[in-house]
Each structure stands twice: as structure tokens, then as C-alpha cells.
Amino acid sequence: MAAYISFYSKTPNPKHLHEAAEVLHGGGIVIFPTDTVYGLGCLSSSVKGLERFAKIKEVKLEHAPLSFLFRDIKELSQYVAPMNSQTFKLVKKLLPGPYALILHAANKLPKPFQKRKTIGVRISNHPVLQALLPLLDAPLITSSLHDPDEIIDYTTDPENLFARWESKIDLMLSDGYGSNIPSTVIDLTTDPFELIRAGAGEIPNEL
């Protein structure tokens, strides 16, 4: 049976964070708050977690539109190809924040992502993730949770999310009602850069 942990402040309880880290390191699937909508994720280095994640989302990890969720720019840089000054400047300007950026992948991504030419990257400024990610051995793989109601698109009530996903996950990290506006997605592998989806993040002048 999945556990449910609630956070009530901008300073997350360290005990709960370590519990979440333990679940993720054990191959667990977790729903967590972000600076946009709630996300579903697992540790990117966990074979067990990735297999379960792919089954739940009904995707093939080699090609699915997923995002790596990093703790900071330094960790992100290990998973992407060297960036030119223009790209790096924009990445530093937008992250952390409500953006998902598409970048050229590094030559040696871990399995099962080694065939990817590009990857989606995120650095969230949500306090729970800012405190949790430094406790993890690797970045998270994440995907947004769409509501069955196409008009609503994203569920904002964490209790409703938990009721729907409880049988498939190990842990729900709740921080109250989430947003129903997803991240702004920008492809930084093209020249010029391309806006893929307008979302919570303001569209930068560079586009």
C-alpha cells in the first residue's frame, strides 16, 4: 500500500525527505510536487524503478518524451553535450524554473537512454525537490500526470491524484494543490531555438 506524506512549509521535514530518498533508491515510484504540475517519477539509475515506470506510463524509455529532473546545472552538464555560450547563457537564465528544455544528449548516457540524441531537462525551484534531489544518487526521470478529463487536463488536488494512482505507486509527496499549467517547453537543439509549448514559464526574448 502506498504511503502519503504531506509537507506544510517551505522547509521540508528532513525525516520525510530521507524516507522518500529510501523509497526511490529501492526502485520505488513516487508522485511529487513541482513548480508546475504534479509529476510521476523514479530514480534514473534504478533498473527496477525504470521498468515499473515504463509499464505504468505504457512507454518505451528509449524514445518516450520524458524529462530528467536535476538538482543543479552542474549535474545537468554531465548528461548533455557541451553547450555553446548562447545556449548555456539561456539555460542558466531559465533554470531553475518552470521550463523543460530539450538539449543535445551526452555521448554516454546510462542505459536505457544511451541511444537518445536529445534529452529533456528540468531543474525545479520547488522546495521539496530542491531538498530531495541532493539526497539521491542520480537524477529523477519524470512525466506529468494528465487528468482523465481532457478539459481539466491536469489534476490539482493531491488527494484525488493519490486515490487514482495509489495502487501503482509507492509514495505520494503532497504539498497542497498544484498548478494546472505545465512547464514551458523549448527546444535548444535548433537554430533558432524553438518554442514547443507555451506554459508556466514566460517566453524568453531569445525566441
N, C-alpha and C. Protein backbone atom coordinates (compact mmCIF):
# COMPACT_ATOMS: atom_id res chain seq x y z
N MET A 1 0.84 -1.20 0.00
CA MET A 1 0.00 0.00 0.00
C MET A 1 0.88 1.25 0.00
N ALA A 2 0.56 2.19 -0.84
CA ALA A 2 1.37 3.39 -0.97
C ALA A 2 1.25 4.28 0.27
N ALA A 3 2.32 5.00 0.56
CA ALA A 3 2.34 5.94 1.67
C ALA A 3 2.03 7.34 1.16
N TYR A 4 1.56 8.19 2.07
CA TYR A 4 1.19 9.57 1.73
C TYR A 4 1.87 10.49 2.74
N ILE A 5 2.72 11.38 2.25
CA ILE A 5 3.42 12.33 3.12
C ILE A 5 3.04 13.74 2.71
N SER A 6 2.69 14.55 3.71
CA SER A 6 2.33 15.94 3.43
C SER A 6 3.40 16.88 3.95
N PHE A 7 3.71 17.89 3.15
CA PHE A 7 4.62 18.95 3.56
C PHE A 7 3.80 20.23 3.73
N TYR A 8 4.15 21.02 4.75
CA TYR A 8 3.33 22.18 5.06
C TYR A 8 4.12 23.49 5.09
N SER A 9 5.37 23.45 4.73
CA SER A 9 6.16 24.68 4.79
C SER A 9 7.22 24.68 3.70
N LYS A 10 7.92 25.79 3.58
CA LYS A 10 8.99 25.92 2.60
C LYS A 10 10.29 25.26 3.08
N THR A 11 10.25 24.73 4.31
CA THR A 11 11.40 23.99 4.85
C THR A 11 10.95 22.56 5.10
N PRO A 12 11.06 21.68 4.09
CA PRO A 12 10.55 20.32 4.21
C PRO A 12 11.20 19.54 5.35
N ASN A 13 10.42 18.69 5.99
CA ASN A 13 10.89 17.85 7.09
C ASN A 13 11.97 16.89 6.59
N PRO A 14 13.20 16.96 7.13
CA PRO A 14 14.28 16.09 6.68
C PRO A 14 13.96 14.60 6.81
N LYS A 15 13.24 14.22 7.87
CA LYS A 15 12.87 12.81 8.04
C LYS A 15 12.05 12.32 6.86
N HIS A 16 11.08 13.11 6.43
CA HIS A 16 10.25 12.71 5.30
C HIS A 16 11.06 12.67 4.01
N LEU A 17 11.99 13.59 3.86
CA LEU A 17 12.83 13.60 2.66
C LEU A 17 13.69 12.34 2.58
N HIS A 18 14.25 11.93 3.72
CA HIS A 18 15.07 10.71 3.73
C HIS A 18 14.21 9.47 3.47
N GLU A 19 12.98 9.49 3.94
CA GLU A 19 12.07 8.39 3.65
C GLU A 19 11.81 8.30 2.15
N ALA A 20 11.60 9.45 1.52
CA ALA A 20 11.36 9.48 0.08
C ALA A 20 12.59 9.00 -0.69
N ALA A 21 13.77 9.43 -0.25
CA ALA A 21 15.00 9.00 -0.91
C ALA A 21 15.19 7.49 -0.80
N GLU A 22 14.85 6.94 0.34
CA GLU A 22 14.96 5.49 0.53
C GLU A 22 14.03 4.74 -0.41
N VAL A 23 12.82 5.25 -0.56
CA VAL A 23 11.86 4.62 -1.48
C VAL A 23 12.39 4.66 -2.91
N LEU A 24 12.91 5.80 -3.32
CA LEU A 24 13.43 5.94 -4.69
C LEU A 24 14.65 5.06 -4.93
N HIS A 25 15.55 4.99 -3.96
CA HIS A 25 16.73 4.14 -4.11
C HIS A 25 16.37 2.66 -4.15
N GLY A 26 15.21 2.32 -3.60
CA GLY A 26 14.75 0.93 -3.62
C GLY A 26 13.93 0.58 -4.85
N GLY A 27 13.92 1.47 -5.83
CA GLY A 27 13.18 1.19 -7.07
C GLY A 27 11.74 1.65 -7.02
N GLY A 28 11.42 2.53 -6.09
CA GLY A 28 10.05 2.98 -5.93
C GLY A 28 9.61 4.02 -6.94
N ILE A 29 8.29 4.12 -7.06
CA ILE A 29 7.65 5.11 -7.92
C ILE A 29 6.98 6.15 -7.01
N VAL A 30 7.26 7.42 -7.29
CA VAL A 30 6.81 8.49 -6.41
C VAL A 30 6.09 9.57 -7.21
N ILE A 31 5.03 10.12 -6.63
CA ILE A 31 4.41 11.33 -7.17
C ILE A 31 4.88 12.49 -6.29
N PHE A 32 5.30 13.57 -6.92
CA PHE A 32 5.87 14.68 -6.16
C PHE A 32 5.43 16.01 -6.75
N PRO A 33 5.46 17.07 -5.93
CA PRO A 33 5.10 18.39 -6.42
C PRO A 33 6.27 19.00 -7.18
N THR A 34 5.96 19.84 -8.15
CA THR A 34 6.98 20.62 -8.85
C THR A 34 6.51 22.07 -8.86
N ASP A 35 7.28 22.93 -9.51
CA ASP A 35 6.86 24.32 -9.62
C ASP A 35 5.78 24.51 -10.68
N THR A 36 5.34 23.40 -11.30
CA THR A 36 4.20 23.45 -12.23
C THR A 36 3.17 22.42 -11.77
N VAL A 37 3.00 21.34 -12.50
CA VAL A 37 2.02 20.31 -12.13
C VAL A 37 2.71 19.19 -11.36
N TYR A 38 1.91 18.34 -10.72
CA TYR A 38 2.48 17.18 -10.04
C TYR A 38 3.12 16.24 -11.06
N GLY A 39 4.21 15.59 -10.65
CA GLY A 39 4.92 14.70 -11.54
C GLY A 39 5.01 13.28 -10.98
N LEU A 40 5.15 12.32 -11.88
CA LEU A 40 5.39 10.92 -11.53
C LEU A 40 6.84 10.62 -11.87
N GLY A 41 7.56 9.95 -10.97
CA GLY A 41 8.95 9.72 -11.29
C GLY A 41 9.59 8.57 -10.56
N CYS A 42 10.81 8.27 -10.99
CA CYS A 42 11.64 7.26 -10.35
C CYS A 42 13.10 7.65 -10.54
N LEU A 43 13.98 6.96 -9.87
CA LEU A 43 15.40 7.24 -10.00
C LEU A 43 15.88 6.77 -11.37
N SER A 44 16.62 7.62 -12.07
CA SER A 44 17.04 7.30 -13.44
C SER A 44 18.06 6.16 -13.49
N SER A 45 18.67 5.83 -12.34
CA SER A 45 19.66 4.75 -12.31
C SER A 45 19.08 3.43 -11.81
N SER A 46 17.80 3.42 -11.48
CA SER A 46 17.17 2.22 -10.92
C SER A 46 16.52 1.38 -12.02
N VAL A 47 17.08 0.21 -12.28
CA VAL A 47 16.51 -0.68 -13.30
C VAL A 47 15.08 -1.06 -12.93
N LYS A 48 14.89 -1.41 -11.66
CA LYS A 48 13.56 -1.80 -11.19
C LYS A 48 12.58 -0.64 -11.34
N GLY A 49 13.00 0.54 -10.91
CA GLY A 49 12.12 1.69 -10.99
C GLY A 49 11.77 2.04 -12.42
N LEU A 50 12.75 1.99 -13.30
CA LEU A 50 12.52 2.33 -14.71
C LEU A 50 11.58 1.34 -15.38
N GLU A 51 11.73 0.06 -15.07
CA GLU A 51 10.84 -0.95 -15.63
C GLU A 51 9.41 -0.71 -15.19
N ARG A 52 9.23 -0.39 -13.92
CA ARG A 52 7.88 -0.13 -13.40
C ARG A 52 7.32 1.15 -14.00
N PHE A 53 8.16 2.17 -14.10
CA PHE A 53 7.73 3.45 -14.66
C PHE A 53 7.25 3.25 -16.10
N ALA A 54 8.02 2.53 -16.91
CA ALA A 54 7.66 2.30 -18.31
C ALA A 54 6.34 1.54 -18.42
N LYS A 55 6.14 0.59 -17.53
CA LYS A 55 4.90 -0.19 -17.55
C LYS A 55 3.71 0.67 -17.18
N ILE A 56 3.87 1.50 -16.14
CA ILE A 56 2.78 2.37 -15.70
C ILE A 56 2.39 3.37 -16.78
N LYS A 57 3.40 3.97 -17.42
CA LYS A 57 3.15 5.00 -18.42
C LYS A 57 2.92 4.41 -19.82
N GLU A 58 3.13 3.10 -19.95
CA GLU A 58 2.96 2.40 -21.22
C GLU A 58 3.80 3.05 -22.32
N VAL A 59 5.09 3.18 -22.03
CA VAL A 59 6.02 3.80 -22.98
C VAL A 59 7.29 2.97 -23.08
N LYS A 60 8.05 3.22 -24.13
CA LYS A 60 9.40 2.68 -24.25
C LYS A 60 10.37 3.80 -23.86
N LEU A 61 11.18 3.54 -22.87
CA LEU A 61 12.02 4.58 -22.31
C LEU A 61 13.03 5.14 -23.30
N GLU A 62 13.40 4.33 -24.30
CA GLU A 62 14.40 4.79 -25.27
C GLU A 62 13.92 6.02 -26.05
N HIS A 63 12.60 6.14 -26.24
CA HIS A 63 12.10 7.20 -27.12
C HIS A 63 11.00 8.05 -26.49
N ALA A 64 10.53 7.70 -25.31
CA ALA A 64 9.40 8.42 -24.71
C ALA A 64 9.78 9.87 -24.38
N PRO A 65 8.82 10.79 -24.48
CA PRO A 65 9.08 12.21 -24.15
C PRO A 65 9.12 12.44 -22.64
N LEU A 66 10.23 12.06 -22.04
CA LEU A 66 10.41 12.19 -20.60
C LEU A 66 11.40 13.31 -20.30
N SER A 67 11.44 13.73 -19.04
CA SER A 67 12.42 14.73 -18.62
C SER A 67 13.30 14.16 -17.51
N PHE A 68 14.56 14.52 -17.56
CA PHE A 68 15.46 14.29 -16.43
C PHE A 68 15.32 15.48 -15.49
N LEU A 69 15.14 15.21 -14.22
CA LEU A 69 15.00 16.27 -13.23
C LEU A 69 16.28 16.33 -12.41
N PHE A 70 17.02 17.44 -12.56
CA PHE A 70 18.34 17.57 -11.95
C PHE A 70 18.31 18.48 -10.73
N ARG A 71 19.34 18.33 -9.89
CA ARG A 71 19.45 19.19 -8.71
C ARG A 71 20.00 20.56 -9.05
N ASP A 72 20.91 20.62 -10.08
CA ASP A 72 21.54 21.89 -10.43
C ASP A 72 22.17 21.80 -11.82
N ILE A 73 22.74 22.91 -12.27
CA ILE A 73 23.36 22.99 -13.59
C ILE A 73 24.56 22.05 -13.69
N LYS A 74 25.31 21.92 -12.61
CA LYS A 74 26.50 21.06 -12.62
C LYS A 74 26.12 19.61 -12.93
N GLU A 75 25.08 19.11 -12.28
CA GLU A 75 24.65 17.73 -12.54
C GLU A 75 24.08 17.62 -13.95
N LEU A 76 23.30 18.59 -14.36
CA LEU A 76 22.73 18.61 -15.71
C LEU A 76 23.83 18.49 -16.77
N SER A 77 24.93 19.19 -16.56
CA SER A 77 26.01 19.24 -17.55
C SER A 77 26.63 17.88 -17.82
N GLN A 78 26.48 16.94 -16.89
CA GLN A 78 27.03 15.60 -17.08
C GLN A 78 26.20 14.76 -18.05
N TYR A 79 24.98 15.20 -18.34
CA TYR A 79 24.07 14.40 -19.17
C TYR A 79 23.82 15.02 -20.55
N VAL A 80 24.37 16.19 -20.80
CA VAL A 80 24.15 16.85 -22.08
C VAL A 80 25.49 17.12 -22.77
N ALA A 81 25.43 17.29 -24.08
CA ALA A 81 26.63 17.61 -24.84
C ALA A 81 27.09 19.02 -24.49
N PRO A 82 28.37 19.32 -24.69
CA PRO A 82 28.86 20.68 -24.41
C PRO A 82 28.01 21.72 -25.13
N MET A 83 27.65 22.77 -24.41
CA MET A 83 26.79 23.82 -24.96
C MET A 83 27.62 25.01 -25.40
N ASN A 84 27.17 25.67 -26.48
CA ASN A 84 27.82 26.92 -26.85
C ASN A 84 27.40 28.00 -25.86
N SER A 85 28.05 29.16 -25.93
CA SER A 85 27.82 30.20 -24.94
C SER A 85 26.39 30.71 -24.95
N GLN A 86 25.77 30.80 -26.13
CA GLN A 86 24.40 31.29 -26.24
C GLN A 86 23.43 30.34 -25.53
N THR A 87 23.60 29.03 -25.78
CA THR A 87 22.71 28.05 -25.16
C THR A 87 22.91 28.00 -23.66
N PHE A 88 24.17 27.99 -23.23
CA PHE A 88 24.46 27.91 -21.80
C PHE A 88 23.91 29.12 -21.06
N LYS A 89 24.03 30.28 -21.66
CA LYS A 89 23.53 31.50 -21.05
C LYS A 89 22.02 31.43 -20.84
N LEU A 90 21.29 30.89 -21.84
CA LEU A 90 19.84 30.79 -21.72
C LEU A 90 19.44 29.74 -20.69
N VAL A 91 20.17 28.62 -20.65
CA VAL A 91 19.89 27.57 -19.66
C VAL A 91 20.04 28.14 -18.25
N LYS A 92 21.09 28.88 -18.01
CA LYS A 92 21.32 29.47 -16.69
C LYS A 92 20.26 30.53 -16.35
N LYS A 93 19.76 31.19 -17.38
CA LYS A 93 18.74 32.22 -17.18
C LYS A 93 17.40 31.59 -16.79
N LEU A 94 17.06 30.45 -17.39
CA LEU A 94 15.74 29.86 -17.21
C LEU A 94 15.65 28.87 -16.05
N LEU A 95 16.76 28.23 -15.71
CA LEU A 95 16.73 27.18 -14.69
C LEU A 95 17.48 27.61 -13.43
N PRO A 96 16.96 27.29 -12.24
CA PRO A 96 15.72 26.55 -12.01
C PRO A 96 14.48 27.40 -12.31
N GLY A 97 13.43 26.73 -12.75
CA GLY A 97 12.21 27.42 -13.09
C GLY A 97 11.25 26.51 -13.83
N PRO A 98 10.08 27.03 -14.21
CA PRO A 98 9.02 26.22 -14.81
C PRO A 98 9.23 25.96 -16.31
N TYR A 99 10.41 25.43 -16.64
CA TYR A 99 10.76 25.16 -18.04
C TYR A 99 11.26 23.72 -18.19
N ALA A 100 10.94 23.13 -19.33
CA ALA A 100 11.55 21.87 -19.76
C ALA A 100 12.31 22.20 -21.05
N LEU A 101 13.60 21.98 -21.04
CA LEU A 101 14.45 22.34 -22.17
C LEU A 101 14.95 21.08 -22.87
N ILE A 102 14.95 21.11 -24.18
CA ILE A 102 15.47 19.99 -24.95
C ILE A 102 16.89 20.34 -25.37
N LEU A 103 17.84 19.45 -25.02
CA LEU A 103 19.25 19.68 -25.31
C LEU A 103 19.85 18.45 -25.97
N HIS A 104 20.97 18.65 -26.65
CA HIS A 104 21.70 17.51 -27.21
C HIS A 104 22.21 16.64 -26.06
N ALA A 105 22.03 15.33 -26.20
CA ALA A 105 22.44 14.40 -25.14
C ALA A 105 23.94 14.18 -25.16
N ALA A 106 24.49 13.85 -24.01
CA ALA A 106 25.89 13.47 -23.91
C ALA A 106 26.11 12.16 -24.65
N ASN A 107 27.33 11.88 -25.03
CA ASN A 107 27.64 10.68 -25.80
C ASN A 107 27.37 9.39 -25.04
N LYS A 108 27.54 9.43 -23.72
CA LYS A 108 27.42 8.21 -22.93
C LYS A 108 26.37 8.37 -21.84
N LEU A 109 25.12 8.36 -22.26
CA LEU A 109 24.04 8.35 -21.29
C LEU A 109 23.90 6.94 -20.70
N PRO A 110 23.43 6.83 -19.46
CA PRO A 110 23.24 5.50 -18.87
C PRO A 110 22.11 4.75 -19.56
N LYS A 111 22.16 3.41 -19.49
CA LYS A 111 21.08 2.59 -20.02
C LYS A 111 19.82 2.88 -19.24
N PRO A 112 18.65 2.86 -19.91
CA PRO A 112 18.37 2.52 -21.31
C PRO A 112 18.27 3.74 -22.22
N PHE A 113 18.97 4.81 -21.88
CA PHE A 113 18.84 6.07 -22.60
C PHE A 113 20.00 6.32 -23.56
N GLN A 114 20.89 5.33 -23.73
CA GLN A 114 22.13 5.57 -24.43
C GLN A 114 21.96 5.87 -25.92
N LYS A 115 20.81 5.54 -26.49
CA LYS A 115 20.59 5.81 -27.91
C LYS A 115 19.96 7.17 -28.18
N ARG A 116 19.62 7.88 -27.12
CA ARG A 116 18.98 9.19 -27.30
C ARG A 116 19.97 10.22 -27.84
N LYS A 117 19.52 10.97 -28.81
CA LYS A 117 20.32 12.08 -29.35
C LYS A 117 20.02 13.38 -28.61
N THR A 118 18.82 13.48 -28.06
CA THR A 118 18.42 14.66 -27.29
C THR A 118 17.75 14.20 -26.00
N ILE A 119 17.73 15.06 -24.98
CA ILE A 119 17.01 14.75 -23.75
C ILE A 119 16.30 16.01 -23.25
N GLY A 120 15.20 15.78 -22.56
CA GLY A 120 14.51 16.88 -21.90
C GLY A 120 15.09 17.05 -20.50
N VAL A 121 15.33 18.28 -20.10
CA VAL A 121 15.93 18.54 -18.80
C VAL A 121 15.09 19.55 -18.03
N ARG A 122 15.04 19.36 -16.70
CA ARG A 122 14.35 20.28 -15.82
C ARG A 122 15.17 20.48 -14.55
N ILE A 123 15.11 21.68 -13.99
CA ILE A 123 15.57 21.94 -12.63
C ILE A 123 14.44 22.74 -11.98
N SER A 124 13.77 22.13 -11.04
CA SER A 124 12.62 22.77 -10.40
C SER A 124 13.07 23.63 -9.23
N ASN A 125 12.36 24.72 -9.01
CA ASN A 125 12.66 25.54 -7.84
C ASN A 125 11.69 25.26 -6.69
N HIS A 126 10.97 24.12 -6.77
CA HIS A 126 10.07 23.76 -5.67
C HIS A 126 10.91 23.32 -4.47
N PRO A 127 10.60 23.80 -3.27
CA PRO A 127 11.42 23.50 -2.10
C PRO A 127 11.55 22.01 -1.77
N VAL A 128 10.52 21.22 -2.02
CA VAL A 128 10.60 19.78 -1.76
C VAL A 128 11.65 19.14 -2.66
N LEU A 129 11.60 19.44 -3.94
CA LEU A 129 12.58 18.86 -4.87
C LEU A 129 13.97 19.43 -4.64
N GLN A 130 14.06 20.70 -4.32
CA GLN A 130 15.36 21.30 -4.05
C GLN A 130 16.04 20.61 -2.87
N ALA A 131 15.26 20.16 -1.91
CA ALA A 131 15.82 19.48 -0.74
C ALA A 131 15.99 17.98 -0.96
N LEU A 132 15.15 17.37 -1.79
CA LEU A 132 15.19 15.92 -2.00
C LEU A 132 16.30 15.50 -2.96
N LEU A 133 16.47 16.20 -4.05
CA LEU A 133 17.40 15.75 -5.10
C LEU A 133 18.85 15.61 -4.62
N PRO A 134 19.36 16.47 -3.73
CA PRO A 134 20.72 16.25 -3.24
C PRO A 134 20.90 14.95 -2.45
N LEU A 135 19.80 14.33 -2.02
CA LEU A 135 19.88 13.08 -1.27
C LEU A 135 19.92 11.86 -2.19
N LEU A 136 19.77 12.07 -3.49
CA LEU A 136 19.66 10.97 -4.44
C LEU A 136 20.97 10.72 -5.17
N ASP A 137 21.17 9.46 -5.59
CA ASP A 137 22.39 9.06 -6.28
C ASP A 137 22.38 9.44 -7.75
N ALA A 138 21.23 9.82 -8.28
CA ALA A 138 21.10 10.12 -9.70
C ALA A 138 19.89 11.02 -9.88
N PRO A 139 19.76 11.69 -11.04
CA PRO A 139 18.57 12.50 -11.29
C PRO A 139 17.32 11.64 -11.39
N LEU A 140 16.18 12.28 -11.30
CA LEU A 140 14.90 11.60 -11.47
C LEU A 140 14.48 11.60 -12.93
N ILE A 141 13.77 10.57 -13.31
CA ILE A 141 13.04 10.57 -14.57
C ILE A 141 11.61 10.95 -14.23
N THR A 142 11.03 11.87 -14.97
CA THR A 142 9.71 12.35 -14.60
C THR A 142 8.81 12.56 -15.80
N SER A 143 7.51 12.46 -15.52
CA SER A 143 6.49 12.72 -16.53
C SER A 143 5.28 13.31 -15.81
N SER A 144 4.61 14.24 -16.47
CA SER A 144 3.42 14.87 -15.88
C SER A 144 2.27 13.87 -15.83
N LEU A 145 1.35 14.12 -14.90
CA LEU A 145 0.18 13.26 -14.75
C LEU A 145 -1.05 13.97 -15.31
N HIS A 146 -1.54 13.47 -16.41
CA HIS A 146 -2.70 14.07 -17.05
C HIS A 146 -3.99 13.57 -16.40
N ASP A 147 -4.96 14.45 -16.32
CA ASP A 147 -6.26 14.09 -15.79
C ASP A 147 -7.06 13.35 -16.86
N PRO A 148 -7.87 12.35 -16.47
CA PRO A 148 -8.71 11.66 -17.46
C PRO A 148 -9.67 12.61 -18.19
N ASP A 149 -10.04 13.69 -17.52
CA ASP A 149 -10.92 14.70 -18.12
C ASP A 149 -10.07 15.61 -19.01
N GLU A 150 -10.25 15.52 -20.31
CA GLU A 150 -9.43 16.28 -21.24
C GLU A 150 -9.62 17.79 -21.10
N ILE A 151 -10.74 18.20 -20.55
CA ILE A 151 -10.97 19.64 -20.36
C ILE A 151 -10.12 20.15 -19.20
N ILE A 152 -10.05 19.36 -18.12
CA ILE A 152 -9.26 19.76 -16.96
C ILE A 152 -7.77 19.64 -17.26
N ASP A 153 -7.38 18.58 -17.94
CA ASP A 153 -6.01 18.29 -18.38
C ASP A 153 -5.11 17.83 -17.25
N TYR A 154 -4.97 18.63 -16.16
CA TYR A 154 -4.10 18.25 -15.05
C TYR A 154 -4.87 18.32 -13.73
N THR A 155 -4.69 17.29 -12.90
CA THR A 155 -5.32 17.25 -11.59
C THR A 155 -4.53 18.10 -10.62
N THR A 156 -5.20 19.00 -9.90
CA THR A 156 -4.51 19.87 -8.95
C THR A 156 -4.63 19.38 -7.51
N ASP A 157 -5.63 18.57 -7.21
CA ASP A 157 -5.88 18.09 -5.85
C ASP A 157 -5.03 16.84 -5.58
N PRO A 158 -4.07 16.90 -4.65
CA PRO A 158 -3.20 15.75 -4.41
C PRO A 158 -3.94 14.53 -3.89
N GLU A 159 -5.02 14.73 -3.14
CA GLU A 159 -5.78 13.58 -2.64
C GLU A 159 -6.47 12.84 -3.79
N ASN A 160 -6.95 13.58 -4.77
CA ASN A 160 -7.54 12.93 -5.95
C ASN A 160 -6.48 12.17 -6.74
N LEU A 161 -5.30 12.77 -6.85
CA LEU A 161 -4.19 12.09 -7.53
C LEU A 161 -3.85 10.78 -6.82
N PHE A 162 -3.76 10.86 -5.50
CA PHE A 162 -3.40 9.68 -4.72
C PHE A 162 -4.45 8.58 -4.87
N ALA A 163 -5.71 8.96 -4.85
CA ALA A 163 -6.78 7.97 -4.99
C ALA A 163 -6.71 7.26 -6.33
N ARG A 164 -6.32 7.99 -7.37
CA ARG A 164 -6.25 7.40 -8.71
C ARG A 164 -5.02 6.53 -8.90
N TRP A 165 -3.89 6.92 -8.29
CA TRP A 165 -2.62 6.26 -8.57
C TRP A 165 -2.10 5.39 -7.44
N GLU A 166 -2.81 5.33 -6.33
CA GLU A 166 -2.31 4.64 -5.14
C GLU A 166 -1.86 3.21 -5.41
N SER A 167 -2.59 2.49 -6.24
CA SER A 167 -2.28 1.08 -6.48
C SER A 167 -1.03 0.89 -7.34
N LYS A 168 -0.54 1.96 -7.95
CA LYS A 168 0.59 1.83 -8.87
C LYS A 168 1.87 2.46 -8.35
N ILE A 169 1.77 3.25 -7.29
CA ILE A 169 2.94 3.96 -6.79
C ILE A 169 3.30 3.46 -5.39
N ASP A 170 4.43 3.96 -4.88
CA ASP A 170 4.86 3.61 -3.53
C ASP A 170 4.73 4.77 -2.55
N LEU A 171 4.74 5.99 -3.08
CA LEU A 171 4.74 7.15 -2.20
C LEU A 171 4.17 8.36 -2.91
N MET A 172 3.38 9.13 -2.19
CA MET A 172 2.86 10.41 -2.67
C MET A 172 3.40 11.50 -1.77
N LEU A 173 4.08 12.47 -2.37
CA LEU A 173 4.56 13.64 -1.64
C LEU A 173 3.60 14.79 -1.95
N SER A 174 2.86 15.21 -0.95
CA SER A 174 1.85 16.24 -1.15
C SER A 174 2.32 17.58 -0.60
N ASP A 175 2.07 18.62 -1.36
CA ASP A 175 2.37 19.98 -0.90
C ASP A 175 1.17 20.87 -1.22
N GLY A 176 -0.02 20.32 -1.02
CA GLY A 176 -1.23 21.08 -1.30
C GLY A 176 -1.59 21.07 -2.78
N TYR A 177 -2.51 21.91 -3.13
CA TYR A 177 -2.98 21.96 -4.51
C TYR A 177 -1.85 22.39 -5.44
N GLY A 178 -1.72 21.67 -6.56
CA GLY A 178 -0.71 22.01 -7.54
C GLY A 178 -1.27 22.94 -8.60
N SER A 179 -0.42 23.31 -9.52
CA SER A 179 -0.85 24.13 -10.65
C SER A 179 -1.49 23.23 -11.71
N ASN A 180 -2.28 23.83 -12.58
CA ASN A 180 -2.80 23.08 -13.73
C ASN A 180 -2.19 23.59 -15.03
N ILE A 181 -1.09 24.33 -14.89
CA ILE A 181 -0.37 24.84 -16.06
C ILE A 181 0.99 24.16 -16.13
N PRO A 182 1.29 23.44 -17.19
CA PRO A 182 2.55 22.71 -17.28
C PRO A 182 3.73 23.63 -17.57
N SER A 183 4.89 23.06 -17.65
CA SER A 183 6.10 23.82 -17.94
C SER A 183 6.10 24.33 -19.38
N THR A 184 6.83 25.39 -19.60
CA THR A 184 7.10 25.86 -20.96
C THR A 184 8.22 25.02 -21.55
N VAL A 185 8.00 24.48 -22.74
CA VAL A 185 8.98 23.59 -23.37
C VAL A 185 9.67 24.31 -24.51
N ILE A 186 11.00 24.32 -24.48
CA ILE A 186 11.79 25.00 -25.51
C ILE A 186 12.85 24.05 -26.04
N ASP A 187 12.95 23.95 -27.34
CA ASP A 187 13.97 23.12 -27.99
C ASP A 187 15.20 23.98 -28.25
N LEU A 188 16.28 23.65 -27.55
CA LEU A 188 17.53 24.41 -27.71
C LEU A 188 18.51 23.71 -28.64
N THR A 189 18.03 22.68 -29.34
CA THR A 189 18.90 21.98 -30.30
C THR A 189 18.74 22.55 -31.71
N THR A 190 17.79 23.46 -31.89
CA THR A 190 17.52 24.02 -33.21
C THR A 190 18.12 25.42 -33.32
N ASP A 191 18.26 25.89 -34.53
CA ASP A 191 18.77 27.24 -34.79
C ASP A 191 17.84 27.92 -35.79
N PRO A 192 17.01 28.87 -35.32
CA PRO A 192 16.95 29.41 -33.96
C PRO A 192 16.25 28.46 -33.00
N PHE A 193 16.32 28.78 -31.70
CA PHE A 193 15.61 27.99 -30.70
C PHE A 193 14.12 27.98 -31.02
N GLU A 194 13.44 26.88 -30.61
CA GLU A 194 12.03 26.72 -30.97
C GLU A 194 11.16 26.52 -29.74
N LEU A 195 10.08 27.28 -29.66
CA LEU A 195 9.10 27.10 -28.61
C LEU A 195 8.20 25.92 -28.97
N ILE A 196 8.21 24.89 -28.14
CA ILE A 196 7.39 23.71 -28.39
C ILE A 196 6.03 23.82 -27.71
N ARG A 197 6.03 24.36 -26.49
CA ARG A 197 4.77 24.53 -25.76
C ARG A 197 4.88 25.73 -24.84
N ALA A 198 3.91 26.63 -24.93
CA ALA A 198 3.83 27.75 -24.00
C ALA A 198 3.18 27.26 -22.71
N GLY A 199 3.80 27.55 -21.58
CA GLY A 199 3.27 27.09 -20.30
C GLY A 199 3.49 28.10 -19.21
N ALA A 200 3.88 27.62 -18.04
CA ALA A 200 4.00 28.49 -16.87
C ALA A 200 5.17 29.48 -16.98
N GLY A 201 6.22 29.09 -17.66
CA GLY A 201 7.37 29.97 -17.79
C GLY A 201 7.17 31.02 -18.87
N GLU A 202 7.55 32.26 -18.59
CA GLU A 202 7.46 33.32 -19.59
C GLU A 202 8.35 33.00 -20.79
N ILE A 203 7.88 33.35 -21.96
CA ILE A 203 8.66 33.09 -23.17
C ILE A 203 9.83 34.07 -23.23
N PRO A 204 11.05 33.58 -23.25
CA PRO A 204 12.22 34.49 -23.21
C PRO A 204 12.38 35.29 -24.50
N ASN A 205 13.05 36.41 -24.40
CA ASN A 205 13.27 37.29 -25.55
C ASN A 205 14.12 36.63 -26.63
N GLU A 206 14.88 35.60 -26.24
CA GLU A 206 15.76 34.94 -27.21
C GLU A 206 15.01 34.15 -28.27
N LEU A 207 13.71 33.96 -28.09
CA LEU A 207 12.92 33.20 -29.07
C LEU A 207 12.27 34.16 -30.07
